[in-house]
Protein backbone atom coordinates (compact mmCIF):
# COMPACT_ATOMS: atom_id res chain seq x y z
CA MET A 1 0.00 0.00 0.00
CA ASP A 2 1.00 3.66 -0.29
CA ASN A 3 2.59 5.42 2.67
CA LEU A 4 -0.39 7.69 3.34
CA THR A 5 -2.57 4.61 3.83
CA HIS A 6 0.06 3.06 6.10
CA THR A 7 0.34 6.27 8.14
CA LEU A 8 -3.42 6.65 8.57
CA THR A 9 -3.68 2.98 9.53
CA GLY A 10 -1.02 3.54 12.17
CA LEU A 11 -2.97 6.48 13.59
CA VAL A 12 -6.17 4.42 13.70
CA VAL A 13 -4.38 1.48 15.38
CA ALA A 14 -2.96 3.89 17.97
CA ARG A 15 -6.39 5.47 18.57
CA ALA A 16 -7.89 2.01 19.03
CA GLY A 17 -5.93 1.68 22.27
CA ILE A 18 -2.36 0.76 21.37
CA GLY A 19 -1.31 4.38 21.83
CA GLN A 20 -2.18 4.13 25.53
CA LEU A 21 0.38 1.41 26.26
CA SER A 22 3.15 3.89 27.02
CA PRO A 23 4.22 7.48 26.47
CA GLY A 24 5.49 7.58 22.91
CA ALA A 25 3.45 4.56 21.80
CA THR A 26 1.44 6.54 19.25
CA LEU A 27 4.60 7.93 17.69
CA ALA A 28 6.08 4.41 17.65
CA VAL A 29 3.05 2.99 15.85
CA VAL A 30 3.03 5.72 13.21
CA LEU A 31 6.77 5.41 12.56
CA ALA A 32 6.68 1.62 12.55
CA SER A 33 3.76 1.69 10.12
CA ASN A 34 6.18 3.11 7.56
CA LEU A 35 9.46 1.61 8.75
CA PRO A 36 9.58 -1.38 6.35
CA ASP A 37 9.57 1.11 3.45
CA ALA A 38 13.00 2.33 4.53
CA ASP A 39 14.16 0.09 1.69
CA LEU A 40 13.05 2.89 -0.65
CA LEU A 41 16.50 4.35 0.02
CA PHE A 42 17.83 1.79 -2.44
CA SER A 43 16.17 3.87 -5.19
CA LEU A 44 19.04 6.33 -4.76
CA ASN A 45 21.10 3.74 -6.67
CA GLY A 46 18.59 3.63 -9.51
CA SER A 47 15.27 2.04 -10.34
CA ALA A 48 16.76 -1.43 -10.82
CA ALA A 49 18.20 -1.35 -7.29
CA TYR A 50 14.79 -0.25 -6.04
CA LEU A 51 13.13 -3.20 -7.77
CA GLU A 52 15.71 -5.61 -6.41
CA HIS A 53 15.39 -4.58 -2.77
CA HIS A 54 11.90 -3.12 -2.30
CA ARG A 55 9.61 -5.36 -0.24
CA ASP A 56 12.47 -7.73 0.38
CA LEU A 57 14.12 -8.36 3.76
CA SER A 58 12.63 -5.28 5.45
CA HIS A 59 9.15 -6.66 4.70
CA SER A 60 9.85 -10.17 6.00
CA LEU A 61 8.82 -12.03 9.13
CA VAL A 62 12.48 -12.28 10.09
CA ALA A 63 13.05 -8.51 10.00
CA ALA A 64 9.86 -7.48 11.81
CA PRO A 65 11.15 -8.00 15.37
CA VAL A 66 14.55 -6.53 14.43
CA LEU A 67 12.92 -3.35 13.13
CA ALA A 68 10.69 -3.16 16.20
CA VAL A 69 13.63 -3.53 18.58
CA ALA A 70 15.65 -0.87 16.74
CA LEU A 71 12.77 1.61 16.78
CA ALA A 72 11.89 0.92 20.41
CA GLY A 73 15.49 1.40 21.47
CA ALA A 74 15.82 4.67 19.56
CA LEU A 75 12.57 6.09 20.93
CA CYS A 76 13.42 5.18 24.49
CA VAL A 77 16.74 7.01 24.15
CA PHE A 78 15.00 10.23 23.10
CA LYS A 79 11.85 9.83 25.21
CA LYS A 80 12.96 9.00 28.72
CA ASP A 81 9.48 8.20 30.09
CA ALA A 82 8.76 5.62 27.37
CA ARG A 83 8.66 1.98 28.50
CA ILE A 84 10.65 -0.22 26.15
CA LEU A 85 8.53 -3.40 26.26
CA PRO A 86 5.19 -1.69 25.40
CA ILE A 87 6.97 0.41 22.76
CA PHE A 88 8.50 -2.75 21.27
CA LEU A 89 5.13 -4.54 21.17
CA ALA A 90 3.39 -1.53 19.61
CA SER A 91 6.16 -1.24 17.01
CA LEU A 92 6.07 -4.96 16.22
CA LEU A 93 2.31 -4.84 15.71
CA ALA A 94 2.60 -1.85 13.37
CA VAL A 95 5.38 -3.45 11.29
CA ALA A 96 3.32 -6.64 11.02
CA VAL A 97 0.25 -4.68 9.92
CA HIS A 98 2.33 -2.93 7.24
CA VAL A 99 3.55 -6.24 5.82
CA PHE A 100 0.06 -7.74 6.02
CA MET A 101 -1.44 -4.82 4.10
CA ASP A 102 1.25 -4.98 1.41
CA LEU A 103 0.25 -8.59 0.75
CA TRP A 104 -3.16 -7.30 -0.34
CA THR A 105 -1.69 -5.60 -3.42
CA SER A 106 -0.51 -6.89 -6.81
CA TYR A 107 3.11 -5.79 -6.43
CA GLY A 108 4.17 -8.68 -4.24
CA THR A 109 5.99 -9.00 -0.93
CA ARG A 110 8.88 -11.34 -0.09
CA VAL A 111 7.48 -12.03 3.34
CA LEU A 112 9.62 -15.17 3.82
CA ALA A 113 12.94 -13.60 2.83
CA PRO A 114 15.79 -14.49 3.04
CA PHE A 115 14.73 -18.14 3.01
CA ASP A 116 12.23 -17.84 0.17
CA PRO A 117 12.62 -15.15 -2.54
CA THR A 118 9.04 -15.56 -3.80
CA PHE A 119 6.94 -12.42 -4.23
CA TYR A 120 3.66 -13.32 -2.52
CA THR A 121 0.68 -11.30 -3.73
CA TRP A 122 -3.03 -11.59 -3.03
CA ASP A 123 -4.29 -9.10 -5.68
CA LEU A 124 -7.13 -7.86 -3.48
CA VAL A 125 -6.79 -4.07 -3.55
CA PHE A 126 -5.12 -1.49 -5.77
CA ILE A 127 -1.83 -0.05 -4.51
CA VAL A 128 -3.70 3.19 -3.67
CA ASP A 129 -7.27 2.35 -2.70
CA PRO A 130 -9.38 5.53 -2.43
CA TRP A 131 -12.12 3.79 -0.42
CA LEU A 132 -9.63 2.66 2.22
CA LEU A 133 -8.10 6.13 2.31
CA LEU A 134 -11.53 7.72 2.75
CA LEU A 135 -12.48 5.32 5.54
CA LEU A 136 -9.21 5.82 7.41
CA LEU A 137 -9.17 9.59 7.01
CA ALA A 138 -12.78 9.89 8.18
CA SER A 139 -12.10 7.72 11.22
CA VAL A 140 -9.03 9.77 12.19
CA LEU A 141 -10.98 13.02 11.92
CA ILE A 142 -14.01 11.71 13.80
CA ALA A 143 -11.93 10.02 16.52
CA GLY A 144 -10.20 13.32 17.18
CA ARG A 145 -13.54 15.00 17.95
CA VAL A 146 -15.41 12.48 20.10
CA ALA A 147 -14.94 11.07 23.59
CA GLN A 148 -15.08 7.44 22.48
CA ALA A 149 -12.14 7.65 20.07
CA SER A 150 -11.12 4.03 20.65
CA ARG A 151 -14.56 2.77 19.61
CA VAL A 152 -14.50 4.81 16.42
CA ALA A 153 -11.01 3.57 15.59
CA SER A 154 -11.89 -0.05 16.36
CA LEU A 155 -14.98 0.22 14.17
CA ALA A 156 -12.85 1.63 11.34
CA LEU A 157 -10.40 -1.25 11.60
CA GLY A 158 -13.28 -3.71 11.54
CA LEU A 159 -14.77 -2.04 8.47
CA MET A 160 -11.37 -2.07 6.76
CA LEU A 161 -10.99 -5.81 7.31
CA ALA A 162 -14.57 -6.38 6.17
CA TYR A 163 -13.92 -4.37 3.00
CA VAL A 164 -10.78 -6.36 2.20
CA GLY A 165 -12.58 -9.60 3.03
CA GLY A 166 -15.32 -8.64 0.59
CA ARG A 167 -12.66 -7.89 -2.00
CA ALA A 168 -11.24 -11.38 -1.42
CA ILE A 169 -14.61 -12.93 -2.21
CA LEU A 170 -14.94 -10.83 -5.37
CA HIS A 171 -11.38 -11.71 -6.35
CA ALA A 172 -12.19 -15.41 -6.16
CA ARG A 173 -15.25 -14.82 -8.34
CA ALA A 174 -13.19 -12.82 -10.84
CA LEU A 175 -10.65 -15.62 -11.14
CA GLU A 176 -13.46 -18.12 -11.63
CA GLU A 177 -15.15 -16.03 -14.34
CA GLY A 178 -11.83 -15.35 -16.07
CA LEU A 179 -10.84 -19.01 -16.14
CA ALA A 180 -14.27 -19.88 -17.55
CA ARG A 181 -13.45 -17.67 -20.56
CA VAL A 182 -10.25 -19.54 -21.43
CA PRO A 183 -11.05 -21.29 -24.74
CA THR A 184 -8.88 -24.32 -23.97
CA GLY A 185 -10.29 -24.72 -20.48
CA PRO A 186 -8.91 -23.93 -17.02
CA ALA A 187 -6.76 -27.07 -17.05
CA SER A 188 -4.52 -25.51 -19.72
CA VAL A 189 -3.67 -22.48 -17.55
CA LEU A 190 -0.28 -22.50 -15.86
CA ARG A 191 -0.81 -19.24 -13.98
CA ALA A 192 -3.71 -16.82 -13.67
CA ALA A 193 -4.33 -13.50 -11.96
CA ALA A 194 -7.27 -11.19 -11.42
CA LEU A 195 -6.02 -7.67 -10.77
CA PRO A 196 -8.17 -5.08 -8.96
CA SER A 197 -9.24 -1.69 -10.23
CA PRO A 198 -8.76 1.35 -7.97
CA LEU A 199 -12.43 2.37 -7.81
CA ASP A 200 -14.89 -0.35 -8.79
CA PRO A 201 -14.68 -3.58 -6.74
CA ARG A 202 -16.59 -5.38 -9.50
CA SER A 203 -14.04 -4.55 -12.21
CA TRP A 204 -10.94 -6.70 -12.63
CA ARG A 205 -8.22 -7.30 -15.19
CA PHE A 206 -7.65 -10.97 -15.96
CA LEU A 207 -4.37 -12.56 -17.05
CA ALA A 208 -3.76 -16.20 -17.90
CA ASP A 209 -0.55 -17.93 -18.98
CA THR A 210 -1.11 -21.12 -20.98
CA GLY A 211 2.55 -21.66 -21.86
CA ALA A 212 2.85 -20.41 -25.43
CA VAL A 213 0.05 -17.84 -25.14
CA TYR A 214 -1.10 -15.11 -22.76
CA LEU A 215 -4.81 -14.42 -22.52
CA THR A 216 -5.76 -10.99 -21.21
CA GLY A 217 -8.92 -8.97 -20.79
CA ASP A 218 -11.08 -6.80 -18.58
CA LEU A 219 -14.07 -8.29 -16.83
CA ARG A 220 -16.89 -6.90 -14.74
CA LEU A 221 -18.56 -9.29 -12.36
CA GLY A 222 -22.10 -10.07 -13.39
CA ALA A 223 -21.74 -8.49 -16.84
CA ALA A 224 -21.85 -10.28 -20.18
CA ALA A 225 -18.69 -12.24 -20.93
CA THR A 226 -16.36 -10.91 -23.63
CA PRO A 227 -13.59 -12.92 -25.34
CA LEU A 228 -10.10 -12.68 -23.95
CA ARG A 229 -7.32 -11.23 -26.06
CA ARG A 230 -4.91 -13.89 -27.32
CA ARG A 231 -1.23 -12.85 -27.25
CA GLU A 232 1.28 -15.27 -28.75
CA LYS A 233 4.54 -15.35 -26.82
CA ARG A 234 7.80 -14.80 -28.66
CA PRO A 235 9.98 -17.90 -28.21
CA GLU A 236 13.20 -17.36 -26.30
CA THR A 237 16.05 -17.92 -28.73
CA PRO A 238 19.58 -18.80 -27.58
CA ALA A 239 20.55 -15.16 -28.22
CA VAL A 240 17.77 -13.89 -25.96
CA ALA A 241 18.66 -16.48 -23.32
CA HIS A 242 22.24 -15.17 -23.43
CA VAL A 243 20.96 -11.62 -22.87
CA ARG A 244 18.81 -12.77 -19.97
CA GLU A 245 21.76 -14.51 -18.35
CA SER A 246 24.22 -11.65 -19.02
CA SER A 247 22.12 -8.71 -17.88
CA ALA A 248 21.84 -7.92 -14.17
CA VAL A 249 18.76 -5.78 -14.80
CA ALA A 250 17.03 -8.55 -16.75
CA GLY A 251 17.73 -11.00 -13.94
CA ILE A 252 16.30 -8.66 -11.31
CA PHE A 253 13.21 -7.97 -13.41
CA LEU A 254 12.47 -11.58 -14.31
CA ARG A 255 12.73 -12.67 -10.68
CA PHE A 256 10.04 -10.08 -9.97
CA SER A 257 7.69 -10.41 -12.94
CA SER A 258 5.16 -13.24 -13.04
CA PHE A 259 3.80 -12.28 -16.48
CA PRO A 260 6.80 -11.06 -18.55
CA TRP A 261 6.16 -10.07 -22.17
CA LEU A 262 9.23 -10.40 -24.41
CA GLU A 263 9.97 -8.17 -27.40
CA VAL A 264 13.08 -8.04 -29.61
CA SER A 265 13.93 -5.37 -32.19
CA GLU A 266 16.92 -4.00 -34.07
CA THR A 267 18.01 -0.43 -33.39
CA ALA A 268 20.91 1.81 -34.39
CA GLU A 269 22.58 0.90 -31.06
CA GLY A 270 22.19 -2.85 -31.55
CA THR A 271 19.64 -5.48 -30.64
CA LEU A 272 17.07 -4.30 -28.11
CA VAL A 273 15.58 -6.99 -25.86
CA SER A 274 12.80 -5.85 -23.56
CA TRP A 275 10.44 -7.42 -21.08
CA THR A 276 7.21 -5.82 -19.85
CA ASP A 277 5.28 -7.01 -16.81
CA LEU A 278 1.75 -7.41 -18.15
CA ARG A 279 0.28 -6.89 -14.67
CA PHE A 280 1.21 -3.20 -14.87
CA GLU A 281 1.02 -2.62 -18.62
CA GLN A 282 -0.61 0.65 -19.67
CA PRO A 283 -1.16 1.96 -23.21
CA GLU A 284 1.36 4.58 -24.32
CA ARG A 285 3.32 4.32 -21.05
CA ASP A 286 6.54 2.54 -20.07
CA ASN A 287 5.31 0.76 -16.96
CA PHE A 288 7.55 -1.92 -15.48
CA VAL A 289 9.74 -2.43 -18.52
CA ALA A 290 13.29 -3.79 -18.52
CA ARG A 291 15.38 -3.02 -21.60
CA VAL A 292 18.75 -4.43 -22.58
CA VAL A 293 20.77 -3.43 -25.66
CA VAL A 294 23.49 -5.76 -26.92
CA ASP A 295 26.02 -5.28 -29.73
CA LYS A 296 26.62 -7.70 -32.58
CA ASN A 297 28.86 -9.78 -30.32
CA GLY A 298 26.12 -10.15 -27.71
CA ARG A 299 27.76 -7.83 -25.19
CA VAL A 300 25.46 -5.69 -23.06
CA THR A 301 25.97 -2.03 -23.93
CA ARG A 302 23.00 -0.56 -22.09
CA GLU A 303 20.39 -1.79 -19.63
CA SER A 304 17.60 -0.04 -17.79
CA PHE A 305 14.39 -0.52 -15.88
CA HIS A 306 11.40 1.86 -15.84
CA PHE A 307 8.31 1.68 -13.64
């Protein structure tokens, strides 16, 4: 999720009662709600470094208690009346909530790093969900003006979980309807995804990988079925395989992308090999694209990643 959503969630969690555990607990929860995203600092080394490290170790179960201990220790140094155990528990809860919420999105989170590099993704909500933002913002504003702030905050958290739970039910239906549109039948599908829209919980984007072909299309639950778009994959030649193995950027990207679309073309610089993640593809925009240029001898002369 975006950092505004994480911050507002932290405020609501604190208002629900966690902020009363100790002086400084509210500040701990708000900071810890964003702490896993400290890995955004890797973007200073370029977008490929960002892709390689974002939602990696800092978003894992292993790192959660480490981050909580570090934050609790730092806060207790600067806030002498803070009690370290309650601050640690509040921080640990907030870090865990951050990781849990990131699993809801389509980007993916390596929650089991460093033991398992898999990007786990539940595809339930858009990276910036305006309905969640509205709910959280309203609850923060209302809780600040009433005597029963903890009840308002607890209700907001309950509604948030109910909303995401409802999204999970709709997601399952979207996958079912999408698979029913596959001409060769669901058994031929190696991987499928139903990706959420930011506004309409009934609208989803469906992707299916049948091996040699991608099938893509938009679907709206309950509406008339429309055929999926058939997209023939370009076979990976030995030359392309060499590029994939030689390019650091290509390796990073392909470890991330679950629906990579390969294109090869000749340019004045040399052979351009590019991969696009179909989950984030947008017309007329370079979204999640890795590009590698090689010379006639197959040496990488330029590589880049754009998101």
